Amino acid sequence: MSPCPKSCAIQDCLQKNSFNEDKCQAQIDALYECCNAFYQAQGDQASTLSCPRANLLRLKMKQRAQAAEKQ
């Protein structure tokens, strides 16, 4: 079982919105928060199919936060 089943919600959202990622930001943010909690609990060496690697996840979260500040 995936520790972050929100990845399914992202796929559903993307399919419903013609794969326009901009319309699925809330689902993506929820997945990243879940994945971040997973790595905090299990350590950065843990792995799951539903989450990017810990270092990539943190980079993506930083980029998203910076983009949100610019808006």
PDB file of N, CA and C in Angstrom:
ATOM      1  N   MET A   1       0.843  -1.191   0.000  1.00  0.00           N
ATOM      2  CA  MET A   1       0.000   0.000   0.000  1.00  0.00           C
ATOM      3  C   MET A   1       0.884   1.249   0.000  1.00  0.00           C
ATOM      4  N   SER A   2       0.512   2.215  -0.755  1.00  0.00           N
ATOM      5  CA  SER A   2       1.260   3.450  -0.849  1.00  0.00           C
ATOM      6  C   SER A   2       1.046   4.304   0.401  1.00  0.00           C
ATOM      7  N   PRO A   3       2.114   4.908   0.918  1.00  0.00           N
ATOM      8  CA  PRO A   3       1.931   5.791   2.068  1.00  0.00           C
ATOM      9  C   PRO A   3       1.237   7.094   1.674  1.00  0.00           C
ATOM     10  N   CYS A   4       1.210   7.384   0.384  1.00  0.00           N
ATOM     11  CA  CYS A   4       0.609   8.625  -0.107  1.00  0.00           C
ATOM     12  C   CYS A   4      -0.317   8.330  -1.286  1.00  0.00           C
ATOM     13  N   PRO A   5      -1.524   7.874  -1.013  1.00  0.00           N
ATOM     14  CA  PRO A   5      -2.446   7.522  -2.099  1.00  0.00           C
ATOM     15  C   PRO A   5      -2.925   8.723  -2.906  1.00  0.00           C
ATOM     16  N   LYS A   6      -2.498   9.922  -2.542  1.00  0.00           N
ATOM     17  CA  LYS A   6      -2.919  11.123  -3.254  1.00  0.00           C
ATOM     18  C   LYS A   6      -2.416  11.146  -4.695  1.00  0.00           C
ATOM     19  N   SER A   7      -1.458  10.292  -5.018  1.00  0.00           N
ATOM     20  CA  SER A   7      -0.975  10.253  -6.399  1.00  0.00           C
ATOM     21  C   SER A   7      -2.097   9.865  -7.354  1.00  0.00           C
ATOM     22  N   CYS A   8      -3.032   9.061  -6.894  1.00  0.00           N
ATOM     23  CA  CYS A   8      -4.194   8.695  -7.724  1.00  0.00           C
ATOM     24  C   CYS A   8      -5.075   9.913  -7.976  1.00  0.00           C
ATOM     25  N   ALA A   9      -5.218  10.765  -6.975  1.00  0.00           N
ATOM     26  CA  ALA A   9      -6.025  11.980  -7.135  1.00  0.00           C
ATOM     27  C   ALA A   9      -5.403  12.900  -8.176  1.00  0.00           C
ATOM     28  N   ILE A  10      -4.087  12.947  -8.222  1.00  0.00           N
ATOM     29  CA  ILE A  10      -3.410  13.775  -9.222  1.00  0.00           C
ATOM     30  C   ILE A  10      -3.693  13.236 -10.618  1.00  0.00           C
ATOM     31  N   GLN A  11      -3.581  11.937 -10.798  1.00  0.00           N
ATOM     32  CA  GLN A  11      -3.851  11.347 -12.109  1.00  0.00           C
ATOM     33  C   GLN A  11      -5.284  11.619 -12.550  1.00  0.00           C
ATOM     34  N   ASP A  12      -6.225  11.469 -11.635  1.00  0.00           N
ATOM     35  CA  ASP A  12      -7.629  11.748 -11.957  1.00  0.00           C
ATOM     36  C   ASP A  12      -7.806  13.202 -12.368  1.00  0.00           C
ATOM     37  N   CYS A  13      -7.203  14.110 -11.597  1.00  0.00           N
ATOM     38  CA  CYS A  13      -7.318  15.538 -11.896  1.00  0.00           C
ATOM     39  C   CYS A  13      -6.711  15.853 -13.259  1.00  0.00           C
ATOM     40  N   LEU A  14      -5.535  15.332 -13.519  1.00  0.00           N
ATOM     41  CA  LEU A  14      -4.879  15.600 -14.798  1.00  0.00           C
ATOM     42  C   LEU A  14      -5.704  15.087 -15.972  1.00  0.00           C
ATOM     43  N   GLN A  15      -6.264  13.912 -15.830  1.00  0.00           N
ATOM     44  CA  GLN A  15      -7.091  13.357 -16.901  1.00  0.00           C
ATOM     45  C   GLN A  15      -8.338  14.203 -17.129  1.00  0.00           C
ATOM     46  N   LYS A  16      -8.956  14.665 -16.058  1.00  0.00           N
ATOM     47  CA  LYS A  16     -10.172  15.479 -16.179  1.00  0.00           C
ATOM     48  C   LYS A  16      -9.882  16.856 -16.763  1.00  0.00           C
ATOM     49  N   ASN A  17      -8.634  17.319 -16.641  1.00  0.00           N
ATOM     50  CA  ASN A  17      -8.269  18.661 -17.085  1.00  0.00           C
ATOM     51  C   ASN A  17      -7.294  18.647 -18.260  1.00  0.00           C
ATOM     52  N   SER A  18      -7.395  17.637 -19.094  1.00  0.00           N
ATOM     53  CA  SER A  18      -6.565  17.523 -20.301  1.00  0.00           C
ATOM     54  C   SER A  18      -5.075  17.682 -19.992  1.00  0.00           C
ATOM     55  N   PHE A  19      -4.663  17.120 -18.861  1.00  0.00           N
ATOM     56  CA  PHE A  19      -3.269  17.120 -18.423  1.00  0.00           C
ATOM     57  C   PHE A  19      -2.702  18.525 -18.239  1.00  0.00           C
ATOM     58  N   ASN A  20      -3.566  19.458 -17.844  1.00  0.00           N
ATOM     59  CA  ASN A  20      -3.141  20.813 -17.509  1.00  0.00           C
ATOM     60  C   ASN A  20      -2.770  20.829 -16.024  1.00  0.00           C
ATOM     61  N   GLU A  21      -1.470  20.786 -15.748  1.00  0.00           N
ATOM     62  CA  GLU A  21      -0.977  20.704 -14.374  1.00  0.00           C
ATOM     63  C   GLU A  21      -1.408  21.904 -13.529  1.00  0.00           C
ATOM     64  N   ASP A  22      -1.575  23.062 -14.147  1.00  0.00           N
ATOM     65  CA  ASP A  22      -1.969  24.262 -13.404  1.00  0.00           C
ATOM     66  C   ASP A  22      -3.297  24.083 -12.673  1.00  0.00           C
ATOM     67  N   LYS A  23      -4.171  23.244 -13.202  1.00  0.00           N
ATOM     68  CA  LYS A  23      -5.486  23.040 -12.587  1.00  0.00           C
ATOM     69  C   LYS A  23      -5.459  21.990 -11.483  1.00  0.00           C
ATOM     70  N   CYS A  24      -4.304  21.413 -11.226  1.00  0.00           N
ATOM     71  CA  CYS A  24      -4.192  20.339 -10.228  1.00  0.00           C
ATOM     72  C   CYS A  24      -3.185  20.683  -9.132  1.00  0.00           C
ATOM     73  N   GLN A  25      -2.926  21.958  -8.936  1.00  0.00           N
ATOM     74  CA  GLN A  25      -1.913  22.376  -7.968  1.00  0.00           C
ATOM     75  C   GLN A  25      -2.218  21.906  -6.544  1.00  0.00           C
ATOM     76  N   ALA A  26      -3.465  21.950  -6.134  1.00  0.00           N
ATOM     77  CA  ALA A  26      -3.819  21.548  -4.766  1.00  0.00           C
ATOM     78  C   ALA A  26      -3.505  20.074  -4.535  1.00  0.00           C
ATOM     79  N   GLN A  27      -3.790  19.235  -5.518  1.00  0.00           N
ATOM     80  CA  GLN A  27      -3.513  17.807  -5.394  1.00  0.00           C
ATOM     81  C   GLN A  27      -2.005  17.536  -5.375  1.00  0.00           C
ATOM     82  N   ILE A  28      -1.274  18.264  -6.188  1.00  0.00           N
ATOM     83  CA  ILE A  28       0.181  18.097  -6.228  1.00  0.00           C
ATOM     84  C   ILE A  28       0.790  18.534  -4.902  1.00  0.00           C
ATOM     85  N   ASP A  29       0.341  19.676  -4.385  1.00  0.00           N
ATOM     86  CA  ASP A  29       0.843  20.150  -3.091  1.00  0.00           C
ATOM     87  C   ASP A  29       0.538  19.148  -1.984  1.00  0.00           C
ATOM     88  N   ALA A  30      -0.650  18.572  -2.004  1.00  0.00           N
ATOM     89  CA  ALA A  30      -1.031  17.589  -0.980  1.00  0.00           C
ATOM     90  C   ALA A  30      -0.132  16.353  -1.056  1.00  0.00           C
ATOM     91  N   LEU A  31       0.168  15.903  -2.261  1.00  0.00           N
ATOM     92  CA  LEU A  31       1.061  14.754  -2.416  1.00  0.00           C
ATOM     93  C   LEU A  31       2.452  15.090  -1.891  1.00  0.00           C
ATOM     94  N   TYR A  32       2.972  16.240  -2.254  1.00  0.00           N
ATOM     95  CA  TYR A  32       4.316  16.611  -1.810  1.00  0.00           C
ATOM     96  C   TYR A  32       4.386  16.726  -0.295  1.00  0.00           C
ATOM     97  N   GLU A  33       3.350  17.276   0.331  1.00  0.00           N
ATOM     98  CA  GLU A  33       3.327  17.362   1.798  1.00  0.00           C
ATOM     99  C   GLU A  33       3.303  15.966   2.410  1.00  0.00           C
ATOM    100  N   CYS A  34       2.521  15.078   1.833  1.00  0.00           N
ATOM    101  CA  CYS A  34       2.453  13.700   2.315  1.00  0.00           C
ATOM    102  C   CYS A  34       3.809  13.016   2.155  1.00  0.00           C
ATOM    103  N   CYS A  35       4.421  13.182   1.016  1.00  0.00           N
ATOM    104  CA  CYS A  35       5.727  12.576   0.775  1.00  0.00           C
ATOM    105  C   CYS A  35       6.778  13.141   1.724  1.00  0.00           C
ATOM    106  N   ASN A  36       6.729  14.432   1.977  1.00  0.00           N
ATOM    107  CA  ASN A  36       7.673  15.047   2.904  1.00  0.00           C
ATOM    108  C   ASN A  36       7.526  14.431   4.297  1.00  0.00           C
ATOM    109  N   ALA A  37       6.299  14.246   4.743  1.00  0.00           N
ATOM    110  CA  ALA A  37       6.049  13.611   6.044  1.00  0.00           C
ATOM    111  C   ALA A  37       6.556  12.165   6.041  1.00  0.00           C
ATOM    112  N   PHE A  38       6.367  11.464   4.933  1.00  0.00           N
ATOM    113  CA  PHE A  38       6.859  10.091   4.800  1.00  0.00           C
ATOM    114  C   PHE A  38       8.372  10.045   5.004  1.00  0.00           C
ATOM    115  N   TYR A  39       9.103  10.938   4.334  1.00  0.00           N
ATOM    116  CA  TYR A  39      10.560  10.939   4.459  1.00  0.00           C
ATOM    117  C   TYR A  39      11.008  11.375   5.853  1.00  0.00           C
ATOM    118  N   GLN A  40      10.274  12.288   6.478  1.00  0.00           N
ATOM    119  CA  GLN A  40      10.622  12.686   7.843  1.00  0.00           C
ATOM    120  C   GLN A  40      10.467  11.511   8.798  1.00  0.00           C
ATOM    121  N   ALA A  41       9.468  10.688   8.571  1.00  0.00           N
ATOM    122  CA  ALA A  41       9.218   9.541   9.448  1.00  0.00           C
ATOM    123  C   ALA A  41      10.131   8.354   9.130  1.00  0.00           C
ATOM    124  N   GLN A  42      10.401   8.124   7.840  1.00  0.00           N
ATOM    125  CA  GLN A  42      11.118   6.915   7.424  1.00  0.00           C
ATOM    126  C   GLN A  42      12.593   7.137   7.067  1.00  0.00           C
ATOM    127  N   GLY A  43      12.973   8.394   6.905  1.00  0.00           N
ATOM    128  CA  GLY A  43      14.346   8.697   6.496  1.00  0.00           C
ATOM    129  C   GLY A  43      14.451   8.889   4.993  1.00  0.00           C
ATOM    130  N   ASP A  44      15.462   9.634   4.592  1.00  0.00           N
ATOM    131  CA  ASP A  44      15.619   9.986   3.176  1.00  0.00           C
ATOM    132  C   ASP A  44      15.938   8.796   2.281  1.00  0.00           C
ATOM    133  N   GLN A  45      16.388   7.697   2.846  1.00  0.00           N
ATOM    134  CA  GLN A  45      16.718   6.529   2.033  1.00  0.00           C
ATOM    135  C   GLN A  45      15.499   5.650   1.751  1.00  0.00           C
ATOM    136  N   ALA A  46      14.386   5.934   2.402  1.00  0.00           N
ATOM    137  CA  ALA A  46      13.156   5.169   2.166  1.00  0.00           C
ATOM    138  C   ALA A  46      12.696   5.416   0.732  1.00  0.00           C
ATOM    139  N   SER A  47      11.867   4.521   0.218  1.00  0.00           N
ATOM    140  CA  SER A  47      11.365   4.730  -1.141  1.00  0.00           C
ATOM    141  C   SER A  47       9.936   4.217  -1.260  1.00  0.00           C
ATOM    142  N   THR A  48       9.222   4.856  -2.147  1.00  0.00           N
ATOM    143  CA  THR A  48       7.859   4.471  -2.473  1.00  0.00           C
ATOM    144  C   THR A  48       7.587   4.924  -3.900  1.00  0.00           C
ATOM    145  N   LEU A  49       6.768   4.194  -4.603  1.00  0.00           N
ATOM    146  CA  LEU A  49       6.475   4.534  -5.996  1.00  0.00           C
ATOM    147  C   LEU A  49       5.723   5.846  -6.141  1.00  0.00           C
ATOM    148  N   SER A  50       4.983   6.249  -5.116  1.00  0.00           N
ATOM    149  CA  SER A  50       4.140   7.436  -5.250  1.00  0.00           C
ATOM    150  C   SER A  50       4.867   8.744  -4.955  1.00  0.00           C
ATOM    151  N   CYS A  51       6.124   8.679  -4.513  1.00  0.00           N
ATOM    152  CA  CYS A  51       6.858   9.901  -4.165  1.00  0.00           C
ATOM    153  C   CYS A  51       8.176   9.988  -4.929  1.00  0.00           C
ATOM    154  N   PRO A  52       8.548  11.216  -5.312  1.00  0.00           N
ATOM    155  CA  PRO A  52       9.893  11.387  -5.868  1.00  0.00           C
ATOM    156  C   PRO A  52      10.926  11.169  -4.755  1.00  0.00           C
ATOM    157  N   ARG A  53      12.168  10.950  -5.123  1.00  0.00           N
ATOM    158  CA  ARG A  53      13.224  10.800  -4.112  1.00  0.00           C
ATOM    159  C   ARG A  53      13.249  12.036  -3.218  1.00  0.00           C
ATOM    160  N   ALA A  54      13.728  11.863  -1.995  1.00  0.00           N
ATOM    161  CA  ALA A  54      13.675  12.931  -0.993  1.00  0.00           C
ATOM    162  C   ALA A  54      14.341  14.218  -1.471  1.00  0.00           C
ATOM    163  N   ASN A  55      15.538  14.122  -2.059  1.00  0.00           N
ATOM    164  CA  ASN A  55      16.229  15.337  -2.487  1.00  0.00           C
ATOM    165  C   ASN A  55      15.489  16.034  -3.623  1.00  0.00           C
ATOM    166  N   LEU A  56      14.922  15.267  -4.543  1.00  0.00           N
ATOM    167  CA  LEU A  56      14.152  15.855  -5.637  1.00  0.00           C
ATOM    168  C   LEU A  56      12.850  16.463  -5.113  1.00  0.00           C
ATOM    169  N   LEU A  57      12.220  15.789  -4.168  1.00  0.00           N
ATOM    170  CA  LEU A  57      10.995  16.307  -3.561  1.00  0.00           C
ATOM    171  C   LEU A  57      11.249  17.673  -2.931  1.00  0.00           C
ATOM    172  N   ARG A  58      12.312  17.789  -2.164  1.00  0.00           N
ATOM    173  CA  ARG A  58      12.608  19.066  -1.495  1.00  0.00           C
ATOM    174  C   ARG A  58      12.914  20.164  -2.503  1.00  0.00           C
ATOM    175  N   LEU A  59      13.596  19.813  -3.588  1.00  0.00           N
ATOM    176  CA  LEU A  59      13.859  20.785  -4.645  1.00  0.00           C
ATOM    177  C   LEU A  59      12.551  21.249  -5.273  1.00  0.00           C
ATOM    178  N   LYS A  60      11.668  20.317  -5.583  1.00  0.00           N
ATOM    179  CA  LYS A  60      10.377  20.670  -6.187  1.00  0.00           C
ATOM    180  C   LYS A  60       9.551  21.539  -5.237  1.00  0.00           C
ATOM    181  N   MET A  61       9.559  21.197  -3.946  1.00  0.00           N
ATOM    182  CA  MET A  61       8.798  21.982  -2.970  1.00  0.00           C
ATOM    183  C   MET A  61       9.365  23.399  -2.873  1.00  0.00           C
ATOM    184  N   LYS A  62      10.687  23.529  -2.904  1.00  0.00           N
ATOM    185  CA  LYS A  62      11.324  24.848  -2.858  1.00  0.00           C
ATOM    186  C   LYS A  62      10.956  25.660  -4.098  1.00  0.00           C
ATOM    187  N   GLN A  63      11.017  25.032  -5.267  1.00  0.00           N
ATOM    188  CA  GLN A  63      10.673  25.720  -6.514  1.00  0.00           C
ATOM    189  C   GLN A  63       9.219  26.176  -6.507  1.00  0.00           C
ATOM    190  N   ARG A  64       8.320  25.327  -6.012  1.00  0.00           N
ATOM    191  CA  ARG A  64       6.899  25.676  -5.971  1.00  0.00           C
ATOM    192  C   ARG A  64       6.660  26.829  -5.001  1.00  0.00           C
ATOM    193  N   ALA A  65       7.368  26.831  -3.873  1.00  0.00           N
ATOM    194  CA  ALA A  65       7.219  27.917  -2.899  1.00  0.00           C
ATOM    195  C   ALA A  65       7.716  29.232  -3.494  1.00  0.00           C
ATOM    196  N   GLN A  66       8.839  29.191  -4.202  1.00  0.00           N
ATOM    197  CA  GLN A  66       9.368  30.397  -4.834  1.00  0.00           C
ATOM    198  C   GLN A  66       8.430  30.908  -5.915  1.00  0.00           C
ATOM    199  N   ALA A  67       7.856  30.021  -6.687  1.00  0.00           N
ATOM    200  CA  ALA A  67       6.912  30.421  -7.734  1.00  0.00           C
ATOM    201  C   ALA A  67       5.665  31.042  -7.121  1.00  0.00           C
ATOM    202  N   ALA A  68       5.209  30.496  -6.003  1.00  0.00           N
ATOM    203  CA  ALA A  68       4.017  31.027  -5.337  1.00  0.00           C
ATOM    204  C   ALA A  68       4.279  32.423  -4.786  1.00  0.00           C
ATOM    205  N   GLU A  69       5.501  32.673  -4.317  1.00  0.00           N
ATOM    206  CA  GLU A  69       5.852  33.998  -3.795  1.00  0.00           C
ATOM    207  C   GLU A  69       5.832  35.053  -4.890  1.00  0.00           C
ATOM    208  N   LYS A  70       6.156  34.669  -6.100  1.00  0.00           N
ATOM    209  CA  LYS A  70       6.212  35.609  -7.218  1.00  0.00           C
ATOM    210  C   LYS A  70       4.832  36.000  -7.726  1.00  0.00           C
ATOM    211  N   GLN A  71       3.829  35.213  -7.358  1.00  0.00           N
ATOM    212  CA  GLN A  71       2.473  35.493  -7.867  1.00  0.00           C
ATOM    213  C   GLN A  71       1.778  36.519  -7.027  1.00  0.00           C
TER     214      GLN A  71
END
